PDB file of N, CA and C in Angstrom:
ATOM      1  N   UNK A   1     169.528 167.802 184.883  1.00  0.00           N
ATOM      2  CA  UNK A   1     169.453 167.786 183.400  1.00  0.00           C
ATOM      3  C   UNK A   1     169.405 166.355 183.001  1.00  0.00           C
ATOM      4  N   UNK A   2     168.248 166.168 182.482  1.00  0.00           N
ATOM      5  CA  UNK A   2     168.153 164.835 181.702  1.00  0.00           C
ATOM      6  C   UNK A   2     169.032 164.508 180.444  1.00  0.00           C
ATOM      7  N   UNK A   3     169.435 165.856 179.830  1.00  0.00           N
ATOM      8  CA  UNK A   3     170.330 165.587 178.846  1.00  0.00           C
ATOM      9  C   UNK A   3     171.742 164.819 179.099  1.00  0.00           C
ATOM     10  N   UNK A   4     172.189 165.013 180.305  1.00  0.00           N
ATOM     11  CA  UNK A   4     173.534 164.331 180.658  1.00  0.00           C
ATOM     12  C   UNK A   4     173.301 163.031 180.683  1.00  0.00           C
ATOM     13  N   UNK A   5     172.308 162.207 181.080  1.00  0.00           N
ATOM     14  CA  UNK A   5     171.998 161.136 181.241  1.00  0.00           C
ATOM     15  C   UNK A   5     172.026 160.127 179.972  1.00  0.00           C
ATOM     16  N   UNK A   6     172.944 158.857 179.943  1.00  0.00           N
ATOM     17  CA  UNK A   6     173.165 158.215 178.880  1.00  0.00           C
ATOM     18  C   UNK A   6     171.820 157.635 178.278  1.00  0.00           C
ATOM     19  N   UNK A   7     170.786 157.241 179.010  1.00  0.00           N
ATOM     20  CA  UNK A   7     169.633 156.561 178.511  1.00  0.00           C
ATOM     21  C   UNK A   7     168.695 157.504 177.811  1.00  0.00           C
ATOM     22  N   UNK A   8     168.908 158.820 178.072  1.00  0.00           N
ATOM     23  CA  UNK A   8     168.073 159.948 177.365  1.00  0.00           C
ATOM     24  C   UNK A   8     168.587 159.904 175.864  1.00  0.00           C
ATOM     25  N   UNK A   9     169.928 159.898 175.408  1.00  0.00           N
ATOM     26  CA  UNK A   9     170.038 159.843 174.246  1.00  0.00           C
ATOM     27  C   UNK A   9     169.609 158.545 173.428  1.00  0.00           C
ATOM     28  N   UNK A  10     169.826 157.378 174.162  1.00  0.00           N
ATOM     29  CA  UNK A  10     169.412 156.252 173.602  1.00  0.00           C
ATOM     30  C   UNK A  10     167.960 156.231 173.518  1.00  0.00           C
ATOM     31  N   UNK A  11     167.176 156.762 174.484  1.00  0.00           N
ATOM     32  CA  UNK A  11     165.620 156.799 174.207  1.00  0.00           C
ATOM     33  C   UNK A  11     165.446 157.760 173.154  1.00  0.00           C
ATOM     34  N   UNK A  12     165.937 158.928 173.022  1.00  0.00           N
ATOM     35  CA  UNK A  12     165.863 159.649 171.417  1.00  0.00           C
ATOM     36  C   UNK A  12     166.190 158.990 170.388  1.00  0.00           C
ATOM     37  N   UNK A  13     167.284 158.467 170.377  1.00  0.00           N
ATOM     38  CA  UNK A  13     167.652 157.510 168.965  1.00  0.00           C
ATOM     39  C   UNK A  13     166.556 156.418 168.657  1.00  0.00           C
ATOM     40  N   UNK A  14     166.246 155.688 169.702  1.00  0.00           N
ATOM     41  CA  UNK A  14     165.212 154.517 169.438  1.00  0.00           C
ATOM     42  C   UNK A  14     163.974 155.231 168.976  1.00  0.00           C
ATOM     43  N   UNK A  15     163.554 156.256 169.448  1.00  0.00           N
ATOM     44  CA  UNK A  15     162.189 157.002 169.266  1.00  0.00           C
ATOM     45  C   UNK A  15     162.483 157.414 167.672  1.00  0.00           C
ATOM     46  N   UNK A  16     163.422 157.920 167.358  1.00  0.00           N
ATOM     47  CA  UNK A  16     163.666 158.718 166.164  1.00  0.00           C
ATOM     48  C   UNK A  16     163.656 157.621 165.056  1.00  0.00           C
ATOM     49  N   UNK A  17     164.154 156.458 165.325  1.00  0.00           N
ATOM     50  CA  UNK A  17     164.443 155.232 164.291  1.00  0.00           C
ATOM     51  C   UNK A  17     163.132 154.682 164.393  1.00  0.00           C
ATOM     52  N   UNK A  18     162.139 154.454 165.507  1.00  0.00           N
ATOM     53  CA  UNK A  18     160.808 153.844 165.587  1.00  0.00           C
ATOM     54  C   UNK A  18     159.882 154.790 164.663  1.00  0.00           C
ATOM     55  N   UNK A  19     159.978 155.942 164.776  1.00  0.00           N
ATOM     56  CA  UNK A  19     159.221 156.932 163.940  1.00  0.00           C
ATOM     57  C   UNK A  19     159.624 157.034 162.534  1.00  0.00           C
ATOM     58  N   UNK A  20     160.808 157.018 162.342  1.00  0.00           N
ATOM     59  CA  UNK A  20     161.114 156.956 160.843  1.00  0.00           C
ATOM     60  C   UNK A  20     160.764 155.735 160.149  1.00  0.00           C
ATOM     61  N   UNK A  21     160.784 154.526 160.899  1.00  0.00           N
ATOM     62  CA  UNK A  21     160.461 153.177 160.357  1.00  0.00           C
ATOM     63  C   UNK A  21     158.803 153.462 160.154  1.00  0.00           C
ATOM     64  N   UNK A  22     157.959 153.871 161.041  1.00  0.00           N
ATOM     65  CA  UNK A  22     156.588 153.691 160.916  1.00  0.00           C
ATOM     66  C   UNK A  22     156.097 154.632 159.760  1.00  0.00           C
ATOM     67  N   UNK A  23     156.854 156.083 159.655  1.00  0.00           N
ATOM     68  CA  UNK A  23     156.512 156.793 158.572  1.00  0.00           C
ATOM     69  C   UNK A  23     156.795 156.148 157.171  1.00  0.00           C
ATOM     70  N   UNK A  24     157.904 155.453 157.173  1.00  0.00           N
ATOM     71  CA  UNK A  24     158.234 154.931 155.829  1.00  0.00           C
ATOM     72  C   UNK A  24     157.181 153.913 155.456  1.00  0.00           C
ATOM     73  N   UNK A  25     156.813 153.133 156.527  1.00  0.00           N
ATOM     74  CA  UNK A  25     156.077 151.876 156.539  1.00  0.00           C
ATOM     75  C   UNK A  25     154.559 152.474 156.082  1.00  0.00           C
ATOM     76  N   UNK A  26     154.291 153.444 156.680  1.00  0.00           N
ATOM     77  CA  UNK A  26     152.876 153.997 156.384  1.00  0.00           C
ATOM     78  C   UNK A  26     152.897 154.553 155.066  1.00  0.00           C
ATOM     79  N   UNK A  27     153.673 155.274 154.629  1.00  0.00           N
ATOM     80  CA  UNK A  27     153.755 155.864 153.474  1.00  0.00           C
ATOM     81  C   UNK A  27     153.971 154.972 152.169  1.00  0.00           C
ATOM     82  N   UNK A  28     154.801 153.757 152.454  1.00  0.00           N
ATOM     83  CA  UNK A  28     155.222 152.977 151.450  1.00  0.00           C
ATOM     84  C   UNK A  28     153.820 151.880 151.042  1.00  0.00           C
ATOM     85  N   UNK A  29     152.972 151.852 152.135  1.00  0.00           N
ATOM     86  CA  UNK A  29     151.901 150.611 152.247  1.00  0.00           C
ATOM     87  C   UNK A  29     150.697 151.473 151.761  1.00  0.00           C
ATOM     88  N   UNK A  30     150.438 152.740 152.211  1.00  0.00           N
ATOM     89  CA  UNK A  30     149.133 153.239 152.187  1.00  0.00           C
ATOM     90  C   UNK A  30     149.085 154.487 151.219  1.00  0.00           C
ATOM     91  N   UNK A  31     150.127 155.534 151.419  1.00  0.00           N
ATOM     92  CA  UNK A  31     149.916 156.622 150.688  1.00  0.00           C
ATOM     93  C   UNK A  31     150.383 156.687 149.436  1.00  0.00           C
ATOM     94  N   UNK A  32     151.726 155.975 149.044  1.00  0.00           N
ATOM     95  CA  UNK A  32     152.442 155.972 147.714  1.00  0.00           C
ATOM     96  C   UNK A  32     151.549 155.165 146.743  1.00  0.00           C
ATOM     97  N   UNK A  33     150.949 153.853 147.108  1.00  0.00           N
ATOM     98  CA  UNK A  33     150.054 153.130 146.198  1.00  0.00           C
ATOM     99  C   UNK A  33     148.965 154.077 145.650  1.00  0.00           C
ATOM    100  N   UNK A  34     148.401 154.745 146.530  1.00  0.00           N
ATOM    101  CA  UNK A  34     147.160 155.901 146.083  1.00  0.00           C
ATOM    102  C   UNK A  34     147.576 156.534 145.014  1.00  0.00           C
ATOM    103  N   UNK A  35     149.030 157.308 145.239  1.00  0.00           N
ATOM    104  CA  UNK A  35     149.201 158.035 144.083  1.00  0.00           C
ATOM    105  C   UNK A  35     149.428 157.468 142.680  1.00  0.00           C
ATOM    106  N   UNK A  36     150.431 156.233 142.881  1.00  0.00           N
ATOM    107  CA  UNK A  36     150.622 155.565 141.533  1.00  0.00           C
ATOM    108  C   UNK A  36     149.004 155.031 140.926  1.00  0.00           C
ATOM    109  N   UNK A  37     148.118 154.788 141.668  1.00  0.00           N
ATOM    110  CA  UNK A  37     146.702 154.347 141.062  1.00  0.00           C
ATOM    111  C   UNK A  37     146.329 155.642 140.496  1.00  0.00           C
ATOM    112  N   UNK A  38     146.343 156.852 141.237  1.00  0.00           N
ATOM    113  CA  UNK A  38     145.944 158.140 140.675  1.00  0.00           C
ATOM    114  C   UNK A  38     146.582 158.397 139.325  1.00  0.00           C
ATOM    115  N   UNK A  39     147.885 158.393 139.319  1.00  0.00           N
ATOM    116  CA  UNK A  39     148.600 158.697 138.055  1.00  0.00           C
ATOM    117  C   UNK A  39     148.171 157.705 137.033  1.00  0.00           C
ATOM    118  N   UNK A  40     147.958 156.347 137.212  1.00  0.00           N
ATOM    119  CA  UNK A  40     148.024 155.263 136.072  1.00  0.00           C
ATOM    120  C   UNK A  40     146.603 155.603 135.535  1.00  0.00           C
ATOM    121  N   UNK A  41     145.642 156.013 136.518  1.00  0.00           N
ATOM    122  CA  UNK A  41     144.148 156.204 135.940  1.00  0.00           C
ATOM    123  C   UNK A  41     144.212 157.470 135.224  1.00  0.00           C
ATOM    124  N   UNK A  42     145.033 158.397 135.462  1.00  0.00           N
ATOM    125  CA  UNK A  42     145.072 159.776 134.516  1.00  0.00           C
ATOM    126  C   UNK A  42     145.721 159.351 133.301  1.00  0.00           C
ATOM    127  N   UNK A  43     146.640 158.539 133.136  1.00  0.00           N
ATOM    128  CA  UNK A  43     147.156 158.014 132.130  1.00  0.00           C
ATOM    129  C   UNK A  43     146.129 157.656 131.134  1.00  0.00           C
ATOM    130  N   UNK A  44     145.377 156.554 131.706  1.00  0.00           N
ATOM    131  CA  UNK A  44     144.283 155.852 131.013  1.00  0.00           C
ATOM    132  C   UNK A  44     143.342 156.653 130.304  1.00  0.00           C
ATOM    133  N   UNK A  45     142.888 157.549 131.283  1.00  0.00           N
ATOM    134  CA  UNK A  45     141.908 158.782 130.773  1.00  0.00           C
ATOM    135  C   UNK A  45     142.505 159.464 129.779  1.00  0.00           C
ATOM    136  N   UNK A  46     143.684 160.044 129.722  1.00  0.00           N
ATOM    137  CA  UNK A  46     144.342 160.751 128.686  1.00  0.00           C
ATOM    138  C   UNK A  46     144.395 159.788 127.400  1.00  0.00           C
ATOM    139  N   UNK A  47     144.474 158.575 127.416  1.00  0.00           N
ATOM    140  CA  UNK A  47     144.775 157.943 126.271  1.00  0.00           C
ATOM    141  C   UNK A  47     143.373 157.702 125.590  1.00  0.00           C
ATOM    142  N   UNK A  48     142.131 157.951 126.315  1.00  0.00           N
ATOM    143  CA  UNK A  48     140.982 157.673 125.660  1.00  0.00           C
ATOM    144  C   UNK A  48     140.541 158.588 124.315  1.00  0.00           C
TER     145      UNK A  48
END
């Protein structure tokens, strides 16, 4: 049973931390600025 081995938990924790860091980095670098740009352009278009 691999669940009883200690490095199994270490591997899972490290993979989870790495995955969360990657997802947060991708969202903050690429996804969220797109939405900010979209909303600001909507505000400027609405003010016209």
